[in-house]
PDB file of N, CA and C in Angstrom:
ATOM      1  N   MET A   1     127.276 136.677  99.632  1.00  0.00           N
ATOM      2  CA  MET A   1     127.038 135.686 100.485  1.00  0.00           C
ATOM      3  C   MET A   1     125.956 135.584 101.095  1.00  0.00           C
ATOM      4  N   LYS A   2     125.333 134.683 101.517  1.00  0.00           N
ATOM      5  CA  LYS A   2     123.677 134.474 101.765  1.00  0.00           C
ATOM      6  C   LYS A   2     124.062 135.207 103.616  1.00  0.00           C
ATOM      7  N   LEU A   3     122.544 135.476 103.914  1.00  0.00           N
ATOM      8  CA  LEU A   3     122.607 135.755 105.356  1.00  0.00           C
ATOM      9  C   LEU A   3     123.048 134.937 106.292  1.00  0.00           C
ATOM     10  N   THR A   4     122.701 133.971 106.155  1.00  0.00           N
ATOM     11  CA  THR A   4     122.696 132.891 107.082  1.00  0.00           C
ATOM     12  C   THR A   4     124.117 132.336 107.313  1.00  0.00           C
ATOM     13  N   ALA A   5     125.172 132.675 106.347  1.00  0.00           N
ATOM     14  CA  ALA A   5     126.301 131.755 106.114  1.00  0.00           C
ATOM     15  C   ALA A   5     127.291 132.949 107.234  1.00  0.00           C
ATOM     16  N   LEU A   6     126.600 134.396 106.901  1.00  0.00           N
ATOM     17  CA  LEU A   6     127.569 135.468 108.098  1.00  0.00           C
ATOM     18  C   LEU A   6     126.591 135.049 109.427  1.00  0.00           C
ATOM     19  N   ILE A   7     125.514 134.832 109.678  1.00  0.00           N
ATOM     20  CA  ILE A   7     125.237 134.833 110.696  1.00  0.00           C
ATOM     21  C   ILE A   7     126.032 133.745 111.181  1.00  0.00           C
ATOM     22  N   ARG A   8     126.120 132.256 111.030  1.00  0.00           N
ATOM     23  CA  ARG A   8     126.965 131.385 111.673  1.00  0.00           C
ATOM     24  C   ARG A   8     128.443 131.300 111.927  1.00  0.00           C
ATOM     25  N   ALA A   9     128.816 132.685 111.020  1.00  0.00           N
ATOM     26  CA  ALA A   9     130.335 132.653 111.463  1.00  0.00           C
ATOM     27  C   ALA A   9     130.589 133.046 112.959  1.00  0.00           C
ATOM     28  N   SER A  10     129.352 133.856 113.254  1.00  0.00           N
ATOM     29  CA  SER A  10     129.371 134.600 114.461  1.00  0.00           C
ATOM     30  C   SER A  10     128.548 134.538 115.283  1.00  0.00           C
ATOM     31  N   LYS A  11     128.036 133.142 115.252  1.00  0.00           N
ATOM     32  CA  LYS A  11     126.641 132.987 115.795  1.00  0.00           C
ATOM     33  C   LYS A  11     126.470 133.423 117.187  1.00  0.00           C
ATOM     34  N   ARG A  12     126.834 133.164 118.176  1.00  0.00           N
ATOM     35  CA  ARG A  12     127.015 132.940 119.445  1.00  0.00           C
ATOM     36  C   ARG A  12     126.664 134.771 119.749  1.00  0.00           C
ATOM     37  N   GLN A  13     128.031 135.714 119.010  1.00  0.00           N
ATOM     38  CA  GLN A  13     127.668 137.085 119.216  1.00  0.00           C
ATOM     39  C   GLN A  13     126.393 137.590 118.519  1.00  0.00           C
ATOM     40  N   PHE A  14     125.797 137.332 117.436  1.00  0.00           N
ATOM     41  CA  PHE A  14     124.907 137.426 117.160  1.00  0.00           C
ATOM     42  C   PHE A  14     123.546 137.245 117.491  1.00  0.00           C
ATOM     43  N   LEU A  15     123.629 136.141 118.449  1.00  0.00           N
ATOM     44  CA  LEU A  15     122.752 135.459 119.254  1.00  0.00           C
ATOM     45  C   LEU A  15     122.317 136.847 120.759  1.00  0.00           C
ATOM     46  N   PHE A  16     123.803 136.979 120.665  1.00  0.00           N
ATOM     47  CA  PHE A  16     123.603 138.241 122.163  1.00  0.00           C
ATOM     48  C   PHE A  16     123.202 139.010 121.837  1.00  0.00           C
ATOM     49  N   GLY A  17     123.537 140.002 120.697  1.00  0.00           N
ATOM     50  CA  GLY A  17     122.815 140.868 120.165  1.00  0.00           C
ATOM     51  C   GLY A  17     121.483 141.192 119.640  1.00  0.00           C
ATOM     52  N   ALA A  18     120.919 139.801 119.123  1.00  0.00           N
ATOM     53  CA  ALA A  18     119.652 139.713 119.079  1.00  0.00           C
ATOM     54  C   ALA A  18     119.120 139.657 120.168  1.00  0.00           C
ATOM     55  N   VAL A  19     119.162 138.832 121.263  1.00  0.00           N
ATOM     56  CA  VAL A  19     118.587 138.845 122.002  1.00  0.00           C
ATOM     57  C   VAL A  19     118.311 140.372 123.175  1.00  0.00           C
ATOM     58  N   MET A  20     119.832 140.972 123.112  1.00  0.00           N
ATOM     59  CA  MET A  20     119.663 142.380 123.824  1.00  0.00           C
ATOM     60  C   MET A  20     118.553 143.547 122.797  1.00  0.00           C
ATOM     61  N   TRP A  21     118.820 143.110 121.744  1.00  0.00           N
ATOM     62  CA  TRP A  21     117.243 144.315 121.151  1.00  0.00           C
ATOM     63  C   TRP A  21     116.406 143.161 121.263  1.00  0.00           C
ATOM     64  N   GLY A  22     115.994 142.625 121.359  1.00  0.00           N
ATOM     65  CA  GLY A  22     114.524 141.712 121.623  1.00  0.00           C
ATOM     66  C   GLY A  22     114.334 142.203 123.349  1.00  0.00           C
ATOM     67  N   ILE A  23     115.390 141.900 124.127  1.00  0.00           N
ATOM     68  CA  ILE A  23     114.479 142.527 125.470  1.00  0.00           C
ATOM     69  C   ILE A  23     114.771 144.355 125.520  1.00  0.00           C
ATOM     70  N   GLY A  24     115.243 145.103 124.724  1.00  0.00           N
ATOM     71  CA  GLY A  24     115.196 146.282 124.791  1.00  0.00           C
ATOM     72  C   GLY A  24     114.223 146.946 123.737  1.00  0.00           C
ATOM     73  N   ALA A  25     113.869 146.443 123.007  1.00  0.00           N
ATOM     74  CA  ALA A  25     112.619 146.819 122.395  1.00  0.00           C
ATOM     75  C   ALA A  25     111.002 147.042 123.092  1.00  0.00           C
ATOM     76  N   PRO A  26     110.624 145.392 124.389  1.00  0.00           N
ATOM     77  CA  PRO A  26     109.511 145.492 124.814  1.00  0.00           C
ATOM     78  C   PRO A  26     109.676 146.212 126.390  1.00  0.00           C
ATOM     79  N   LEU A  27     110.704 146.636 126.217  1.00  0.00           N
ATOM     80  CA  LEU A  27     111.437 147.605 127.891  1.00  0.00           C
ATOM     81  C   LEU A  27     110.923 148.945 127.091  1.00  0.00           C
ATOM     82  N   MET A  28     111.488 149.559 125.871  1.00  0.00           N
ATOM     83  CA  MET A  28     110.974 150.970 125.673  1.00  0.00           C
ATOM     84  C   MET A  28     109.513 151.190 125.240  1.00  0.00           C
ATOM     85  N   PHE A  29     108.904 149.890 124.956  1.00  0.00           N
ATOM     86  CA  PHE A  29     107.049 149.946 124.469  1.00  0.00           C
ATOM     87  C   PHE A  29     106.417 150.521 126.026  1.00  0.00           C
ATOM     88  N   TYR A  30     106.845 149.075 126.774  1.00  0.00           N
ATOM     89  CA  TYR A  30     106.580 149.518 128.376  1.00  0.00           C
ATOM     90  C   TYR A  30     106.694 150.542 128.472  1.00  0.00           C
ATOM     91  N   ALA A  31     107.796 151.174 129.156  1.00  0.00           N
ATOM     92  CA  ALA A  31     108.171 152.428 129.200  1.00  0.00           C
ATOM     93  C   ALA A  31     107.471 153.858 128.273  1.00  0.00           C
ATOM     94  N   LEU A  32     107.525 153.834 127.242  1.00  0.00           N
ATOM     95  CA  LEU A  32     106.828 154.701 126.574  1.00  0.00           C
ATOM     96  C   LEU A  32     105.242 154.892 126.907  1.00  0.00           C
ATOM     97  N   PHE A  33     104.560 154.076 127.610  1.00  0.00           N
ATOM     98  CA  PHE A  33     102.784 154.070 127.737  1.00  0.00           C
ATOM     99  C   PHE A  33     103.041 154.246 129.136  1.00  0.00           C
ATOM    100  N   GLN A  34     103.997 153.787 130.173  1.00  0.00           N
ATOM    101  CA  GLN A  34     103.749 153.970 131.567  1.00  0.00           C
ATOM    102  C   GLN A  34     104.225 155.425 132.280  1.00  0.00           C
ATOM    103  N   GLY A  35     104.910 156.148 131.199  1.00  0.00           N
ATOM    104  CA  GLY A  35     105.784 157.703 131.546  1.00  0.00           C
ATOM    105  C   GLY A  35     106.299 157.171 132.595  1.00  0.00           C
ATOM    106  N   MET A  36     107.426 155.848 132.046  1.00  0.00           N
ATOM    107  CA  MET A  36     108.835 156.193 132.516  1.00  0.00           C
ATOM    108  C   MET A  36     109.978 156.641 131.712  1.00  0.00           C
ATOM    109  N   PRO A  37     110.188 157.647 131.460  1.00  0.00           N
ATOM    110  CA  PRO A  37     111.860 158.133 130.637  1.00  0.00           C
ATOM    111  C   PRO A  37     113.173 157.307 131.068  1.00  0.00           C
ATOM    112  N   THR A  38     113.063 157.213 132.319  1.00  0.00           N
ATOM    113  CA  THR A  38     114.446 156.270 132.451  1.00  0.00           C
ATOM    114  C   THR A  38     114.633 154.919 132.497  1.00  0.00           C
ATOM    115  N   LEU A  39     113.452 154.425 132.021  1.00  0.00           N
ATOM    116  CA  LEU A  39     113.537 152.789 131.926  1.00  0.00           C
ATOM    117  C   LEU A  39     113.400 152.705 130.520  1.00  0.00           C
ATOM    118  N   TYR A  40     112.682 154.085 129.714  1.00  0.00           N
ATOM    119  CA  TYR A  40     112.564 154.102 128.378  1.00  0.00           C
ATOM    120  C   TYR A  40     114.137 154.509 127.773  1.00  0.00           C
ATOM    121  N   PHE A  41     114.575 154.897 128.727  1.00  0.00           N
ATOM    122  CA  PHE A  41     116.378 155.162 128.034  1.00  0.00           C
ATOM    123  C   PHE A  41     117.139 154.143 128.385  1.00  0.00           C
ATOM    124  N   ILE A  42     117.017 153.579 129.203  1.00  0.00           N
ATOM    125  CA  ILE A  42     117.598 151.918 129.709  1.00  0.00           C
ATOM    126  C   ILE A  42     117.090 150.921 128.644  1.00  0.00           C
ATOM    127  N   GLY A  43     116.377 151.196 127.396  1.00  0.00           N
ATOM    128  CA  GLY A  43     115.381 150.047 126.792  1.00  0.00           C
ATOM    129  C   GLY A  43     116.680 150.578 125.812  1.00  0.00           C
ATOM    130  N   LEU A  44     116.543 151.527 125.243  1.00  0.00           N
ATOM    131  CA  LEU A  44     116.884 152.210 124.057  1.00  0.00           C
ATOM    132  C   LEU A  44     118.657 151.785 124.288  1.00  0.00           C
ATOM    133  N   MET A  45     119.180 152.706 125.371  1.00  0.00           N
ATOM    134  CA  MET A  45     120.742 151.672 125.499  1.00  0.00           C
ATOM    135  C   MET A  45     120.931 150.202 125.005  1.00  0.00           C
ATOM    136  N   THR A  46     119.871 149.952 125.412  1.00  0.00           N
ATOM    137  CA  THR A  46     120.193 147.962 125.380  1.00  0.00           C
ATOM    138  C   THR A  46     119.963 147.863 124.048  1.00  0.00           C
ATOM    139  N   MET A  47     119.109 148.144 123.183  1.00  0.00           N
ATOM    140  CA  MET A  47     119.140 148.259 121.724  1.00  0.00           C
ATOM    141  C   MET A  47     120.008 148.758 120.923  1.00  0.00           C
ATOM    142  N   ALA A  48     120.741 149.803 120.893  1.00  0.00           N
ATOM    143  CA  ALA A  48     121.803 150.491 120.663  1.00  0.00           C
ATOM    144  C   ALA A  48     123.139 149.694 120.709  1.00  0.00           C
ATOM    145  N   VAL A  49     122.862 148.843 121.946  1.00  0.00           N
ATOM    146  CA  VAL A  49     124.392 148.118 122.608  1.00  0.00           C
ATOM    147  C   VAL A  49     123.592 146.755 121.247  1.00  0.00           C
ATOM    148  N   GLY A  50     122.777 146.240 121.656  1.00  0.00           N
ATOM    149  CA  GLY A  50     122.264 144.892 120.566  1.00  0.00           C
ATOM    150  C   GLY A  50     122.777 145.080 118.961  1.00  0.00           C
ATOM    151  N   THR A  51     122.015 146.288 118.818  1.00  0.00           N
ATOM    152  CA  THR A  51     122.658 146.674 117.179  1.00  0.00           C
ATOM    153  C   THR A  51     123.821 146.961 116.780  1.00  0.00           C
ATOM    154  N   GLY A  52     124.821 147.287 117.615  1.00  0.00           N
ATOM    155  CA  GLY A  52     126.266 147.387 117.206  1.00  0.00           C
ATOM    156  C   GLY A  52     126.846 146.294 117.079  1.00  0.00           C
ATOM    157  N   ILE A  53     126.417 145.276 117.977  1.00  0.00           N
ATOM    158  CA  ILE A  53     127.120 143.754 118.300  1.00  0.00           C
ATOM    159  C   ILE A  53     126.543 143.085 117.128  1.00  0.00           C
ATOM    160  N   VAL A  54     125.474 143.159 116.655  1.00  0.00           N
ATOM    161  CA  VAL A  54     124.740 142.481 115.698  1.00  0.00           C
ATOM    162  C   VAL A  54     125.800 143.410 114.347  1.00  0.00           C
ATOM    163  N   ALA A  55     125.841 144.426 114.121  1.00  0.00           N
ATOM    164  CA  ALA A  55     126.374 145.094 112.887  1.00  0.00           C
ATOM    165  C   ALA A  55     127.666 144.641 113.014  1.00  0.00           C
ATOM    166  N   ARG A  56     128.640 144.458 114.135  1.00  0.00           N
ATOM    167  CA  ARG A  56     129.896 144.151 114.070  1.00  0.00           C
ATOM    168  C   ARG A  56     129.926 142.951 113.696  1.00  0.00           C
ATOM    169  N   CYS A  57     129.095 141.749 114.028  1.00  0.00           N
ATOM    170  CA  CYS A  57     129.233 140.684 113.878  1.00  0.00           C
ATOM    171  C   CYS A  57     129.074 140.267 112.582  1.00  0.00           C
ATOM    172  N   LEU A  58     128.178 141.018 111.644  1.00  0.00           N
ATOM    173  CA  LEU A  58     127.876 141.343 110.246  1.00  0.00           C
ATOM    174  C   LEU A  58     129.012 141.772 109.296  1.00  0.00           C
ATOM    175  N   ARG A  59     129.630 143.102 110.065  1.00  0.00           N
ATOM    176  CA  ARG A  59     131.033 143.638 109.133  1.00  0.00           C
ATOM    177  C   ARG A  59     132.293 142.422 108.963  1.00  0.00           C
ATOM    178  N   GLN A  60     132.269 141.781 110.625  1.00  0.00           N
ATOM    179  CA  GLN A  60     133.390 140.827 111.103  1.00  0.00           C
ATOM    180  C   GLN A  60     132.942 139.954 109.336  1.00  0.00           C
ATOM    181  N   ALA A  61     131.605 139.402 109.576  1.00  0.00           N
ATOM    182  CA  ALA A  61     131.883 137.937 108.858  1.00  0.00           C
ATOM    183  C   ALA A  61     131.865 138.688 107.162  1.00  0.00           C
ATOM    184  N   ALA A  62     131.142 139.576 106.974  1.00  0.00           N
ATOM    185  CA  ALA A  62     131.546 139.822 105.406  1.00  0.00           C
ATOM    186  C   ALA A  62     133.302 140.187 104.930  1.00  0.00           C
ATOM    187  N   GLY A  63     133.479 140.188 105.741  1.00  0.00           N
ATOM    188  CA  GLY A  63     135.075 140.602 105.491  1.00  0.00           C
ATOM    189  C   GLY A  63     136.102 139.255 105.438  1.00  0.00           C
ATOM    190  N   LYS A  64     135.266 138.234 105.969  1.00  0.00           N
ATOM    191  CA  LYS A  64     135.991 136.915 105.975  1.00  0.00           C
ATOM    192  C   LYS A  64     136.183 136.183 104.503  1.00  0.00           C
TER     193      LYS A  64
END
């Protein structure tokens, strides 16, 4: 099955996960160079949740 078909199956959740990842990555990058460990951890958690949402969407779509 094509990746685009998998994404269409749970489009809203997939995009939400991708947006969370897109917010977390620059946040981590900024915190790394500013020396802010708490902000880095928040960015890391945001990326982890976004990755989990995307993985769950792809798993559900592949199982259909």
